[in-house]
Amino acid sequence: MHRVAIALLLIALASPLFAQQEVEITLLAIDTKTKKALWHSAPLVSNASNFTFAGGDAYLVTGYGFTAELDFVYILRAKDGAVVARIPVRSGPEHLLAARDRIYVRTYNRDYVFEAIQSGPRK
């Protein structure tokens, strides 16, 4: 069995404006070999200063939150950008870090630590 690696360029399309202002806030994945877009995420899943991977490279951990909006940490499947989990937090996620078996999230005014997703068999 041969495994083909795809080099992804992930671009966070974000804005400092409120979501009610109909701004497209999404993640875009581009295959760097073909230079074609592979997927874009659902809106309003990422406006933190960074994102990180969990479960090896199987999942992407992002954060979204804003002053008058609900705040969440999102888990996206890296191969297609589908949201597989949405975790409410009390204020907007700012920084995310995956280390060992934990995901560390710094929000505007508090810290969270989550157990990291373990990758399963790839299909």
PDB file of N, CA and C in Angstrom:
ATOM      1  N   MET A   1       0.844  -1.176   0.000  1.00  0.00           N
ATOM      2  CA  MET A   1       0.000   0.000   0.000  1.00  0.00           C
ATOM      3  C   MET A   1       0.889   1.237   0.000  1.00  0.00           C
ATOM      4  N   HIS A   2       0.634   2.143  -0.913  1.00  0.00           N
ATOM      5  CA  HIS A   2       1.391   3.388  -0.997  1.00  0.00           C
ATOM      6  C   HIS A   2       0.601   4.501  -0.336  1.00  0.00           C
ATOM      7  N   ARG A   3       1.305   5.317   0.369  1.00  0.00           N
ATOM      8  CA  ARG A   3       0.674   6.456   1.027  1.00  0.00           C
ATOM      9  C   ARG A   3       1.170   7.729   0.377  1.00  0.00           C
ATOM     10  N   VAL A   4       0.261   8.571  -0.024  1.00  0.00           N
ATOM     11  CA  VAL A   4       0.619   9.826  -0.677  1.00  0.00           C
ATOM     12  C   VAL A   4       0.393  10.960   0.308  1.00  0.00           C
ATOM     13  N   ALA A   5       1.423  11.721   0.560  1.00  0.00           N
ATOM     14  CA  ALA A   5       1.306  12.864   1.467  1.00  0.00           C
ATOM     15  C   ALA A   5       0.899  14.094   0.665  1.00  0.00           C
ATOM     16  N   ILE A   6      -0.030  14.838   1.212  1.00  0.00           N
ATOM     17  CA  ILE A   6      -0.444  16.096   0.600  1.00  0.00           C
ATOM     18  C   ILE A   6       0.085  17.209   1.485  1.00  0.00           C
ATOM     19  N   ALA A   7       0.786  18.124   0.880  1.00  0.00           N
ATOM     20  CA  ALA A   7       1.281  19.284   1.622  1.00  0.00           C
ATOM     21  C   ALA A   7       0.187  20.344   1.581  1.00  0.00           C
ATOM     22  N   LEU A   8      -0.311  20.701   2.751  1.00  0.00           N
ATOM     23  CA  LEU A   8      -1.397  21.672   2.834  1.00  0.00           C
ATOM     24  C   LEU A   8      -0.888  23.045   3.216  1.00  0.00           C
ATOM     25  N   LEU A   9      -1.451  24.025   2.588  1.00  0.00           N
ATOM     26  CA  LEU A   9      -1.288  25.402   3.010  1.00  0.00           C
ATOM     27  C   LEU A   9      -2.639  25.793   3.590  1.00  0.00           C
ATOM     28  N   LEU A  10      -2.668  26.101   4.875  1.00  0.00           N
ATOM     29  CA  LEU A  10      -3.915  26.490   5.533  1.00  0.00           C
ATOM     30  C   LEU A  10      -3.917  27.998   5.703  1.00  0.00           C
ATOM     31  N   ILE A  11      -4.962  28.615   5.217  1.00  0.00           N
ATOM     32  CA  ILE A  11      -5.087  30.064   5.282  1.00  0.00           C
ATOM     33  C   ILE A  11      -6.325  30.406   6.099  1.00  0.00           C
ATOM     34  N   ALA A  12      -6.141  31.203   7.135  1.00  0.00           N
ATOM     35  CA  ALA A  12      -7.271  31.676   7.930  1.00  0.00           C
ATOM     36  C   ALA A  12      -7.739  33.002   7.346  1.00  0.00           C
ATOM     37  N   LEU A  13      -8.938  32.992   6.823  1.00  0.00           N
ATOM     38  CA  LEU A  13      -9.541  34.211   6.288  1.00  0.00           C
ATOM     39  C   LEU A  13     -10.396  34.797   7.402  1.00  0.00           C
ATOM     40  N   ALA A  14      -9.881  35.790   8.078  1.00  0.00           N
ATOM     41  CA  ALA A  14     -10.559  36.347   9.241  1.00  0.00           C
ATOM     42  C   ALA A  14     -10.670  37.857   9.104  1.00  0.00           C
ATOM     43  N   SER A  15     -11.459  38.420   9.997  1.00  0.00           N
ATOM     44  CA  SER A  15     -11.689  39.857   9.979  1.00  0.00           C
ATOM     45  C   SER A  15     -11.944  40.327  11.400  1.00  0.00           C
ATOM     46  N   PRO A  16     -11.580  41.561  11.724  1.00  0.00           N
ATOM     47  CA  PRO A  16     -11.869  42.084  13.058  1.00  0.00           C
ATOM     48  C   PRO A  16     -13.308  42.585  13.191  1.00  0.00           C
ATOM     49  N   LEU A  17     -14.145  42.333  12.207  1.00  0.00           N
ATOM     50  CA  LEU A  17     -15.536  42.799  12.233  1.00  0.00           C
ATOM     51  C   LEU A  17     -16.449  41.750  12.838  1.00  0.00           C
ATOM     52  N   PHE A  18     -17.623  42.164  13.291  1.00  0.00           N
ATOM     53  CA  PHE A  18     -18.615  41.242  13.818  1.00  0.00           C
ATOM     54  C   PHE A  18     -19.170  40.362  12.709  1.00  0.00           C
ATOM     55  N   ALA A  19     -19.558  39.132  13.054  1.00  0.00           N
ATOM     56  CA  ALA A  19     -20.105  38.195  12.072  1.00  0.00           C
ATOM     57  C   ALA A  19     -21.397  38.721  11.456  1.00  0.00           C
ATOM     58  N   GLN A  20     -22.158  39.525  12.202  1.00  0.00           N
ATOM     59  CA  GLN A  20     -23.399  40.082  11.667  1.00  0.00           C
ATOM     60  C   GLN A  20     -23.147  40.968  10.457  1.00  0.00           C
ATOM     61  N   GLN A  21     -21.912  41.408  10.282  1.00  0.00           N
ATOM     62  CA  GLN A  21     -21.587  42.278   9.158  1.00  0.00           C
ATOM     63  C   GLN A  21     -21.308  41.468   7.897  1.00  0.00           C
ATOM     64  N   GLU A  22     -21.675  40.170   7.937  1.00  0.00           N
ATOM     65  CA  GLU A  22     -21.589  39.272   6.794  1.00  0.00           C
ATOM     66  C   GLU A  22     -20.191  39.203   6.189  1.00  0.00           C
ATOM     67  N   VAL A  23     -19.224  39.044   7.058  1.00  0.00           N
ATOM     68  CA  VAL A  23     -17.842  38.895   6.631  1.00  0.00           C
ATOM     69  C   VAL A  23     -17.548  37.397   6.547  1.00  0.00           C
ATOM     70  N   GLU A  24     -16.861  36.965   5.514  1.00  0.00           N
ATOM     71  CA  GLU A  24     -16.498  35.558   5.373  1.00  0.00           C
ATOM     72  C   GLU A  24     -15.298  35.261   6.269  1.00  0.00           C
ATOM     73  N   ILE A  25     -15.528  34.505   7.326  1.00  0.00           N
ATOM     74  CA  ILE A  25     -14.471  34.116   8.253  1.00  0.00           C
ATOM     75  C   ILE A  25     -14.400  32.599   8.184  1.00  0.00           C
ATOM     76  N   THR A  26     -13.360  32.078   7.565  1.00  0.00           N
ATOM     77  CA  THR A  26     -13.271  30.648   7.305  1.00  0.00           C
ATOM     78  C   THR A  26     -11.815  30.227   7.188  1.00  0.00           C
ATOM     79  N   LEU A  27     -11.575  28.935   7.111  1.00  0.00           N
ATOM     80  CA  LEU A  27     -10.253  28.401   6.817  1.00  0.00           C
ATOM     81  C   LEU A  27     -10.273  27.834   5.407  1.00  0.00           C
ATOM     82  N   LEU A  28      -9.196  27.997   4.697  1.00  0.00           N
ATOM     83  CA  LEU A  28      -9.066  27.503   3.337  1.00  0.00           C
ATOM     84  C   LEU A  28      -7.842  26.599   3.278  1.00  0.00           C
ATOM     85  N   ALA A  29      -8.008  25.383   2.751  1.00  0.00           N
ATOM     86  CA  ALA A  29      -6.895  24.441   2.601  1.00  0.00           C
ATOM     87  C   ALA A  29      -6.539  24.329   1.127  1.00  0.00           C
ATOM     88  N   ILE A  30      -5.261  24.523   0.829  1.00  0.00           N
ATOM     89  CA  ILE A  30      -4.775  24.463  -0.548  1.00  0.00           C
ATOM     90  C   ILE A  30      -3.701  23.387  -0.646  1.00  0.00           C
ATOM     91  N   ASP A  31      -3.813  22.533  -1.658  1.00  0.00           N
ATOM     92  CA  ASP A  31      -2.786  21.534  -1.943  1.00  0.00           C
ATOM     93  C   ASP A  31      -1.625  22.271  -2.602  1.00  0.00           C
ATOM     94  N   THR A  32      -0.469  22.275  -1.957  1.00  0.00           N
ATOM     95  CA  THR A  32       0.660  23.050  -2.481  1.00  0.00           C
ATOM     96  C   THR A  32       1.278  22.431  -3.732  1.00  0.00           C
ATOM     97  N   LYS A  33       0.999  21.157  -3.976  1.00  0.00           N
ATOM     98  CA  LYS A  33       1.529  20.524  -5.193  1.00  0.00           C
ATOM     99  C   LYS A  33       0.702  20.905  -6.409  1.00  0.00           C
ATOM    100  N   THR A  34      -0.626  20.837  -6.269  1.00  0.00           N
ATOM    101  CA  THR A  34      -1.503  21.135  -7.409  1.00  0.00           C
ATOM    102  C   THR A  34      -1.935  22.594  -7.439  1.00  0.00           C
ATOM    103  N   LYS A  35      -1.747  23.287  -6.308  1.00  0.00           N
ATOM    104  CA  LYS A  35      -2.165  24.680  -6.149  1.00  0.00           C
ATOM    105  C   LYS A  35      -3.683  24.856  -6.281  1.00  0.00           C
ATOM    106  N   LYS A  36      -4.414  23.814  -5.911  1.00  0.00           N
ATOM    107  CA  LYS A  36      -5.878  23.859  -5.963  1.00  0.00           C
ATOM    108  C   LYS A  36      -6.439  23.839  -4.542  1.00  0.00           C
ATOM    109  N   ALA A  37      -7.558  24.518  -4.384  1.00  0.00           N
ATOM    110  CA  ALA A  37      -8.247  24.502  -3.096  1.00  0.00           C
ATOM    111  C   ALA A  37      -8.828  23.112  -2.873  1.00  0.00           C
ATOM    112  N   LEU A  38      -8.582  22.558  -1.694  1.00  0.00           N
ATOM    113  CA  LEU A  38      -9.124  21.246  -1.344  1.00  0.00           C
ATOM    114  C   LEU A  38     -10.451  21.368  -0.609  1.00  0.00           C
ATOM    115  N   TRP A  39     -10.509  22.316   0.308  1.00  0.00           N
ATOM    116  CA  TRP A  39     -11.739  22.533   1.068  1.00  0.00           C
ATOM    117  C   TRP A  39     -11.692  23.898   1.735  1.00  0.00           C
ATOM    118  N   HIS A  40     -12.861  24.348   2.149  1.00  0.00           N
ATOM    119  CA  HIS A  40     -12.930  25.495   3.056  1.00  0.00           C
ATOM    120  C   HIS A  40     -13.879  25.116   4.163  1.00  0.00           C
ATOM    121  N   SER A  41     -13.605  25.629   5.328  1.00  0.00           N
ATOM    122  CA  SER A  41     -14.382  25.256   6.509  1.00  0.00           C
ATOM    123  C   SER A  41     -15.724  25.976   6.524  1.00  0.00           C
ATOM    124  N   ALA A  42     -16.539  25.544   7.445  1.00  0.00           N
ATOM    125  CA  ALA A  42     -17.767  26.282   7.729  1.00  0.00           C
ATOM    126  C   ALA A  42     -17.370  27.666   8.221  1.00  0.00           C
ATOM    127  N   PRO A  43     -18.245  28.653   8.080  1.00  0.00           N
ATOM    128  CA  PRO A  43     -17.917  29.992   8.584  1.00  0.00           C
ATOM    129  C   PRO A  43     -17.813  30.009  10.110  1.00  0.00           C
ATOM    130  N   LEU A  44     -17.081  30.976  10.604  1.00  0.00           N
ATOM    131  CA  LEU A  44     -16.984  31.275  12.033  1.00  0.00           C
ATOM    132  C   LEU A  44     -16.418  30.134  12.869  1.00  0.00           C
ATOM    133  N   VAL A  45     -15.365  29.496  12.363  1.00  0.00           N
ATOM    134  CA  VAL A  45     -14.690  28.466  13.160  1.00  0.00           C
ATOM    135  C   VAL A  45     -13.269  28.863  13.547  1.00  0.00           C
ATOM    136  N   SER A  46     -12.768  29.972  13.027  1.00  0.00           N
ATOM    137  CA  SER A  46     -11.382  30.318  13.333  1.00  0.00           C
ATOM    138  C   SER A  46     -11.138  31.818  13.231  1.00  0.00           C
ATOM    139  N   ASN A  47     -10.811  32.423  14.370  1.00  0.00           N
ATOM    140  CA  ASN A  47     -10.273  33.780  14.366  1.00  0.00           C
ATOM    141  C   ASN A  47      -9.234  33.957  15.474  1.00  0.00           C
ATOM    142  N   ALA A  48      -8.802  32.845  16.063  1.00  0.00           N
ATOM    143  CA  ALA A  48      -7.718  32.897  17.043  1.00  0.00           C
ATOM    144  C   ALA A  48      -6.428  33.250  16.300  1.00  0.00           C
ATOM    145  N   SER A  49      -5.393  33.580  17.036  1.00  0.00           N
ATOM    146  CA  SER A  49      -4.143  33.978  16.398  1.00  0.00           C
ATOM    147  C   SER A  49      -3.425  32.815  15.729  1.00  0.00           C
ATOM    148  N   ASN A  50      -3.811  31.579  16.061  1.00  0.00           N
ATOM    149  CA  ASN A  50      -3.191  30.408  15.448  1.00  0.00           C
ATOM    150  C   ASN A  50      -4.165  29.237  15.497  1.00  0.00           C
ATOM    151  N   PHE A  51      -3.736  28.122  14.956  1.00  0.00           N
ATOM    152  CA  PHE A  51      -4.444  26.856  15.095  1.00  0.00           C
ATOM    153  C   PHE A  51      -3.382  25.795  15.252  1.00  0.00           C
ATOM    154  N   THR A  52      -3.774  24.587  15.640  1.00  0.00           N
ATOM    155  CA  THR A  52      -2.803  23.530  15.873  1.00  0.00           C
ATOM    156  C   THR A  52      -3.398  22.200  15.430  1.00  0.00           C
ATOM    157  N   PHE A  53      -2.561  21.185  15.370  1.00  0.00           N
ATOM    158  CA  PHE A  53      -3.010  19.849  14.988  1.00  0.00           C
ATOM    159  C   PHE A  53      -3.092  18.957  16.219  1.00  0.00           C
ATOM    160  N   ALA A  54      -3.952  17.952  16.144  1.00  0.00           N
ATOM    161  CA  ALA A  54      -4.081  16.948  17.197  1.00  0.00           C
ATOM    162  C   ALA A  54      -4.309  15.605  16.521  1.00  0.00           C
ATOM    163  N   GLY A  55      -4.070  14.529  17.270  1.00  0.00           N
ATOM    164  CA  GLY A  55      -4.243  13.206  16.685  1.00  0.00           C
ATOM    165  C   GLY A  55      -3.276  12.983  15.540  1.00  0.00           C
ATOM    166  N   GLY A  56      -2.016  13.320  15.765  1.00  0.00           N
ATOM    167  CA  GLY A  56      -1.058  13.311  14.662  1.00  0.00           C
ATOM    168  C   GLY A  56      -1.365  14.504  13.783  1.00  0.00           C
ATOM    169  N   ASP A  57      -1.730  14.246  12.555  1.00  0.00           N
ATOM    170  CA  ASP A  57      -2.150  15.323  11.667  1.00  0.00           C
ATOM    171  C   ASP A  57      -3.603  15.132  11.219  1.00  0.00           C
ATOM    172  N   ALA A  58      -4.352  14.309  11.948  1.00  0.00           N
ATOM    173  CA  ALA A  58      -5.721  13.976  11.544  1.00  0.00           C
ATOM    174  C   ALA A  58      -6.732  15.078  11.841  1.00  0.00           C
ATOM    175  N   TYR A  59      -6.476  15.893  12.858  1.00  0.00           N
ATOM    176  CA  TYR A  59      -7.434  16.912  13.274  1.00  0.00           C
ATOM    177  C   TYR A  59      -6.773  18.276  13.397  1.00  0.00           C
ATOM    178  N   LEU A  60      -7.546  19.289  13.133  1.00  0.00           N
ATOM    179  CA  LEU A  60      -7.121  20.668  13.252  1.00  0.00           C
ATOM    180  C   LEU A  60      -7.926  21.281  14.398  1.00  0.00           C
ATOM    181  N   VAL A  61      -7.248  21.928  15.336  1.00  0.00           N
ATOM    182  CA  VAL A  61      -7.917  22.561  16.476  1.00  0.00           C
ATOM    183  C   VAL A  61      -7.882  24.066  16.247  1.00  0.00           C
ATOM    184  N   THR A  62      -9.059  24.680  16.248  1.00  0.00           N
ATOM    185  CA  THR A  62      -9.178  26.109  15.993  1.00  0.00           C
ATOM    186  C   THR A  62     -10.005  26.741  17.107  1.00  0.00           C
ATOM    187  N   GLY A  63     -10.085  28.054  17.093  1.00  0.00           N
ATOM    188  CA  GLY A  63     -10.918  28.748  18.066  1.00  0.00           C
ATOM    189  C   GLY A  63     -11.594  29.942  17.426  1.00  0.00           C
ATOM    190  N   TYR A  64     -12.817  30.208  17.867  1.00  0.00           N
ATOM    191  CA  TYR A  64     -13.539  31.378  17.374  1.00  0.00           C
ATOM    192  C   TYR A  64     -14.296  32.022  18.530  1.00  0.00           C
ATOM    193  N   GLY A  65     -14.257  33.331  18.569  1.00  0.00           N
ATOM    194  CA  GLY A  65     -15.028  34.074  19.550  1.00  0.00           C
ATOM    195  C   GLY A  65     -14.876  35.558  19.299  1.00  0.00           C
ATOM    196  N   PHE A  66     -15.877  36.288  19.749  1.00  0.00           N
ATOM    197  CA  PHE A  66     -15.848  37.731  19.554  1.00  0.00           C
ATOM    198  C   PHE A  66     -16.760  38.353  20.598  1.00  0.00           C
ATOM    199  N   THR A  67     -16.659  39.625  20.798  1.00  0.00           N
ATOM    200  CA  THR A  67     -17.330  40.333  21.880  1.00  0.00           C
ATOM    201  C   THR A  67     -18.799  39.961  22.061  1.00  0.00           C
ATOM    202  N   ALA A  68     -19.607  40.121  21.063  1.00  0.00           N
ATOM    203  CA  ALA A  68     -21.057  39.891  21.199  1.00  0.00           C
ATOM    204  C   ALA A  68     -21.480  38.561  20.584  1.00  0.00           C
ATOM    205  N   GLU A  69     -20.564  37.615  20.499  1.00  0.00           N
ATOM    206  CA  GLU A  69     -20.851  36.328  19.870  1.00  0.00           C
ATOM    207  C   GLU A  69     -20.450  35.197  20.806  1.00  0.00           C
ATOM    208  N   LEU A  70     -20.943  33.996  20.525  1.00  0.00           N
ATOM    209  CA  LEU A  70     -20.574  32.830  21.319  1.00  0.00           C
ATOM    210  C   LEU A  70     -19.143  32.421  20.989  1.00  0.00           C
ATOM    211  N   ASP A  71     -18.468  31.806  21.958  1.00  0.00           N
ATOM    212  CA  ASP A  71     -17.053  31.462  21.846  1.00  0.00           C
ATOM    213  C   ASP A  71     -16.893  29.941  21.918  1.00  0.00           C
ATOM    214  N   PHE A  72     -16.073  29.399  20.997  1.00  0.00           N
ATOM    215  CA  PHE A  72     -15.905  27.952  20.919  1.00  0.00           C
ATOM    216  C   PHE A  72     -14.485  27.582  20.520  1.00  0.00           C
ATOM    217  N   VAL A  73     -14.084  26.383  20.930  1.00  0.00           N
ATOM    218  CA  VAL A  73     -12.934  25.690  20.357  1.00  0.00           C
ATOM    219  C   VAL A  73     -13.541  24.661  19.407  1.00  0.00           C
ATOM    220  N   TYR A  74     -12.999  24.584  18.197  1.00  0.00           N
ATOM    221  CA  TYR A  74     -13.504  23.657  17.185  1.00  0.00           C
ATOM    222  C   TYR A  74     -12.458  22.602  16.866  1.00  0.00           C
ATOM    223  N   ILE A  75     -12.925  21.390  16.600  1.00  0.00           N
ATOM    224  CA  ILE A  75     -12.083  20.316  16.103  1.00  0.00           C
ATOM    225  C   ILE A  75     -12.566  20.028  14.682  1.00  0.00           C
ATOM    226  N   LEU A  76     -11.665  20.191  13.717  1.00  0.00           N
ATOM    227  CA  LEU A  76     -11.986  19.935  12.314  1.00  0.00           C
ATOM    228  C   LEU A  76     -11.176  18.737  11.825  1.00  0.00           C
ATOM    229  N   ARG A  77     -11.785  17.941  10.980  1.00  0.00           N
ATOM    230  CA  ARG A  77     -11.059  16.853  10.332  1.00  0.00           C
ATOM    231  C   ARG A  77     -10.148  17.481   9.289  1.00  0.00           C
ATOM    232  N   ALA A  78      -8.856  17.219   9.359  1.00  0.00           N
ATOM    233  CA  ALA A  78      -7.884  17.886   8.492  1.00  0.00           C
ATOM    234  C   ALA A  78      -8.048  17.525   7.024  1.00  0.00           C
ATOM    235  N   LYS A  79      -8.549  16.338   6.728  1.00  0.00           N
ATOM    236  CA  LYS A  79      -8.636  15.932   5.320  1.00  0.00           C
ATOM    237  C   LYS A  79      -9.750  16.619   4.559  1.00  0.00           C
ATOM    238  N   ASP A  80     -10.797  17.112   5.280  1.00  0.00           N
ATOM    239  CA  ASP A  80     -11.909  17.745   4.552  1.00  0.00           C
ATOM    240  C   ASP A  80     -12.487  18.985   5.234  1.00  0.00           C
ATOM    241  N   GLY A  81     -11.960  19.353   6.401  1.00  0.00           N
ATOM    242  CA  GLY A  81     -12.416  20.560   7.086  1.00  0.00           C
ATOM    243  C   GLY A  81     -13.739  20.436   7.812  1.00  0.00           C
ATOM    244  N   ALA A  82     -14.300  19.241   7.872  1.00  0.00           N
ATOM    245  CA  ALA A  82     -15.590  19.052   8.550  1.00  0.00           C
ATOM    246  C   ALA A  82     -15.432  19.251  10.056  1.00  0.00           C
ATOM    247  N   VAL A  83     -16.390  19.938  10.660  1.00  0.00           N
ATOM    248  CA  VAL A  83     -16.383  20.134  12.107  1.00  0.00           C
ATOM    249  C   VAL A  83     -16.831  18.832  12.766  1.00  0.00           C
ATOM    250  N   VAL A  84     -15.970  18.282  13.620  1.00  0.00           N
ATOM    251  CA  VAL A  84     -16.322  17.046  14.327  1.00  0.00           C
ATOM    252  C   VAL A  84     -16.636  17.302  15.800  1.00  0.00           C
ATOM    253  N   ALA A  85     -16.266  18.464  16.315  1.00  0.00           N
ATOM    254  CA  ALA A  85     -16.601  18.823  17.696  1.00  0.00           C
ATOM    255  C   ALA A  85     -16.584  20.338  17.844  1.00  0.00           C
ATOM    256  N   ARG A  86     -17.465  20.813  18.722  1.00  0.00           N
ATOM    257  CA  ARG A  86     -17.547  22.240  19.047  1.00  0.00           C
ATOM    258  C   ARG A  86     -17.643  22.332  20.568  1.00  0.00           C
ATOM    259  N   ILE A  87     -16.643  22.943  21.183  1.00  0.00           N
ATOM    260  CA  ILE A  87     -16.544  22.996  22.647  1.00  0.00           C
ATOM    261  C   ILE A  87     -16.728  24.441  23.100  1.00  0.00           C
ATOM    262  N   PRO A  88     -17.782  24.715  23.877  1.00  0.00           N
ATOM    263  CA  PRO A  88     -17.990  26.090  24.336  1.00  0.00           C
ATOM    264  C   PRO A  88     -16.930  26.508  25.355  1.00  0.00           C
ATOM    265  N   VAL A  89     -16.484  27.749  25.244  1.00  0.00           N
ATOM    266  CA  VAL A  89     -15.579  28.354  26.216  1.00  0.00           C
ATOM    267  C   VAL A  89     -16.164  29.712  26.600  1.00  0.00           C
ATOM    268  N   ARG A  90     -15.710  30.260  27.708  1.00  0.00           N
ATOM    269  CA  ARG A  90     -16.343  31.473  28.236  1.00  0.00           C
ATOM    270  C   ARG A  90     -15.915  32.772  27.586  1.00  0.00           C
ATOM    271  N   SER A  91     -14.782  32.746  26.884  1.00  0.00           N
ATOM    272  CA  SER A  91     -14.348  33.939  26.154  1.00  0.00           C
ATOM    273  C   SER A  91     -13.545  33.496  24.939  1.00  0.00           C
ATOM    274  N   GLY A  92     -13.318  34.418  24.029  1.00  0.00           N
ATOM    275  CA  GLY A  92     -12.713  34.098  22.746  1.00  0.00           C
ATOM    276  C   GLY A  92     -11.337  33.461  22.832  1.00  0.00           C
ATOM    277  N   PRO A  93     -11.145  32.301  22.184  1.00  0.00           N
ATOM    278  CA  PRO A  93      -9.826  31.683  22.142  1.00  0.00           C
ATOM    279  C   PRO A  93      -8.826  32.582  21.416  1.00  0.00           C
ATOM    280  N   GLU A  94      -7.640  32.729  22.005  1.00  0.00           N
ATOM    281  CA  GLU A  94      -6.604  33.566  21.400  1.00  0.00           C
ATOM    282  C   GLU A  94      -5.423  32.748  20.906  1.00  0.00           C
ATOM    283  N   HIS A  95      -4.961  31.774  21.708  1.00  0.00           N
ATOM    284  CA  HIS A  95      -3.795  30.966  21.355  1.00  0.00           C
ATOM    285  C   HIS A  95      -4.093  29.507  21.667  1.00  0.00           C
ATOM    286  N   LEU A  96      -3.630  28.608  20.787  1.00  0.00           N
ATOM    287  CA  LEU A  96      -3.828  27.170  20.971  1.00  0.00           C
ATOM    288  C   LEU A  96      -2.492  26.459  20.836  1.00  0.00           C
ATOM    289  N   LEU A  97      -2.287  25.429  21.652  1.00  0.00           N
ATOM    290  CA  LEU A  97      -1.037  24.674  21.626  1.00  0.00           C
ATOM    291  C   LEU A  97      -1.337  23.211  21.902  1.00  0.00           C
ATOM    292  N   ALA A  98      -0.840  22.330  21.054  1.00  0.00           N
ATOM    293  CA  ALA A  98      -0.926  20.888  21.288  1.00  0.00           C
ATOM    294  C   ALA A  98       0.428  20.428  21.816  1.00  0.00           C
ATOM    295  N   ALA A  99       0.422  19.763  22.949  1.00  0.00           N
ATOM    296  CA  ALA A  99       1.660  19.246  23.532  1.00  0.00           C
ATOM    297  C   ALA A  99       1.356  17.933  24.235  1.00  0.00           C
ATOM    298  N   ARG A 100       2.057  16.894  23.789  1.00  0.00           N
ATOM    299  CA  ARG A 100       1.875  15.537  24.320  1.00  0.00           C
ATOM    300  C   ARG A 100       0.427  15.123  24.144  1.00  0.00           C
ATOM    301  N   ASP A 101      -0.270  14.877  25.222  1.00  0.00           N
ATOM    302  CA  ASP A 101      -1.662  14.417  25.112  1.00  0.00           C
ATOM    303  C   ASP A 101      -2.651  15.495  25.559  1.00  0.00           C
ATOM    304  N   ARG A 102      -2.275  16.750  25.431  1.00  0.00           N
ATOM    305  CA  ARG A 102      -3.132  17.856  25.862  1.00  0.00           C
ATOM    306  C   ARG A 102      -3.213  18.936  24.784  1.00  0.00           C
ATOM    307  N   ILE A 103      -4.341  19.659  24.816  1.00  0.00           N
ATOM    308  CA  ILE A 103      -4.518  20.862  24.012  1.00  0.00           C
ATOM    309  C   ILE A 103      -4.678  22.013  25.003  1.00  0.00           C
ATOM    310  N   TYR A 104      -3.807  22.994  24.899  1.00  0.00           N
ATOM    311  CA  TYR A 104      -3.852  24.162  25.778  1.00  0.00           C
ATOM    312  C   TYR A 104      -4.459  25.321  25.002  1.00  0.00           C
ATOM    313  N   VAL A 105      -5.437  25.957  25.625  1.00  0.00           N
ATOM    314  CA  VAL A 105      -6.136  27.073  24.976  1.00  0.00           C
ATOM    315  C   VAL A 105      -6.106  28.272  25.910  1.00  0.00           C
ATOM    316  N   ARG A 106      -5.565  29.355  25.411  1.00  0.00           N
ATOM    317  CA  ARG A 106      -5.595  30.630  26.136  1.00  0.00           C
ATOM    318  C   ARG A 106      -6.707  31.459  25.519  1.00  0.00           C
ATOM    319  N   THR A 107      -7.678  31.840  26.337  1.00  0.00           N
ATOM    320  CA  THR A 107      -8.735  32.721  25.867  1.00  0.00           C
ATOM    321  C   THR A 107      -8.444  34.127  26.367  1.00  0.00           C
ATOM    322  N   TYR A 108      -9.348  35.010  26.081  1.00  0.00           N
ATOM    323  CA  TYR A 108      -9.179  36.401  26.493  1.00  0.00           C
ATOM    324  C   TYR A 108      -8.855  36.525  27.975  1.00  0.00           C
ATOM    325  N   ASN A 109      -9.531  35.724  28.827  1.00  0.00           N
ATOM    326  CA  ASN A 109      -9.335  35.916  30.266  1.00  0.00           C
ATOM    327  C   ASN A 109      -9.189  34.627  31.087  1.00  0.00           C
ATOM    328  N   ARG A 110      -8.942  33.497  30.428  1.00  0.00           N
ATOM    329  CA  ARG A 110      -8.703  32.271  31.192  1.00  0.00           C
ATOM    330  C   ARG A 110      -7.992  31.239  30.333  1.00  0.00           C
ATOM    331  N   ASP A 111      -7.488  30.198  31.022  1.00  0.00           N
ATOM    332  CA  ASP A 111      -6.793  29.106  30.347  1.00  0.00           C
ATOM    333  C   ASP A 111      -7.623  27.829  30.452  1.00  0.00           C
ATOM    334  N   TYR A 112      -7.572  27.032  29.393  1.00  0.00           N
ATOM    335  CA  TYR A 112      -8.238  25.731  29.368  1.00  0.00           C
ATOM    336  C   TYR A 112      -7.210  24.674  28.983  1.00  0.00           C
ATOM    337  N   VAL A 113      -7.405  23.457  29.512  1.00  0.00           N
ATOM    338  CA  VAL A 113      -6.596  22.317  29.115  1.00  0.00           C
ATOM    339  C   VAL A 113      -7.568  21.194  28.773  1.00  0.00           C
ATOM    340  N   PHE A 114      -7.426  20.646  27.560  1.00  0.00           N
ATOM    341  CA  PHE A 114      -8.287  19.562  27.091  1.00  0.00           C
ATOM    342  C   PHE A 114      -7.430  18.342  26.786  1.00  0.00           C
ATOM    343  N   GLU A 115      -8.018  17.172  26.949  1.00  0.00           N
ATOM    344  CA  GLU A 115      -7.349  15.951  26.533  1.00  0.00           C
ATOM    345  C   GLU A 115      -7.323  15.928  25.009  1.00  0.00           C
ATOM    346  N   ALA A 116      -6.175  15.611  24.446  1.00  0.00           N
ATOM    347  CA  ALA A 116      -6.020  15.624  22.988  1.00  0.00           C
ATOM    348  C   ALA A 116      -6.748  14.447  22.356  1.00  0.00           C
ATOM    349  N   ILE A 117      -7.192  14.640  21.142  1.00  0.00           N
ATOM    350  CA  ILE A 117      -7.814  13.590  20.348  1.00  0.00           C
ATOM    351  C   ILE A 117      -6.712  12.631  19.889  1.00  0.00           C
ATOM    352  N   GLN A 118      -6.960  11.360  20.020  1.00  0.00           N
ATOM    353  CA  GLN A 118      -6.020  10.371  19.512  1.00  0.00           C
ATOM    354  C   GLN A 118      -6.482   9.947  18.139  1.00  0.00           C
ATOM    355  N   SER A 119      -5.577   9.854  17.201  1.00  0.00           N
ATOM    356  CA  SER A 119      -5.966   9.492  15.837  1.00  0.00           C
ATOM    357  C   SER A 119      -6.315   8.020  15.768  1.00  0.00           C
ATOM    358  N   GLY A 120      -7.290   7.719  14.959  1.00  0.00           N
ATOM    359  CA  GLY A 120      -7.683   6.342  14.716  1.00  0.00           C
ATOM    360  C   GLY A 120      -7.159   5.902  13.371  1.00  0.00           C
ATOM    361  N   PRO A 121      -7.604   4.746  12.894  1.00  0.00           N
ATOM    362  CA  PRO A 121      -7.136   4.294  11.584  1.00  0.00           C
ATOM    363  C   PRO A 121      -7.627   5.228  10.479  1.00  0.00           C
ATOM    364  N   ARG A 122      -6.781   5.475   9.524  1.00  0.00           N
ATOM    365  CA  ARG A 122      -7.143   6.337   8.390  1.00  0.00           C
ATOM    366  C   ARG A 122      -7.921   5.546   7.365  1.00  0.00           C
ATOM    367  N   LYS A 123      -8.888   6.229   6.783  1.00  0.00           N
ATOM    368  CA  LYS A 123      -9.697   5.576   5.748  1.00  0.00           C
ATOM    369  C   LYS A 123      -9.586   6.320   4.452  1.00  0.00           C
TER     370      LYS A 123
END
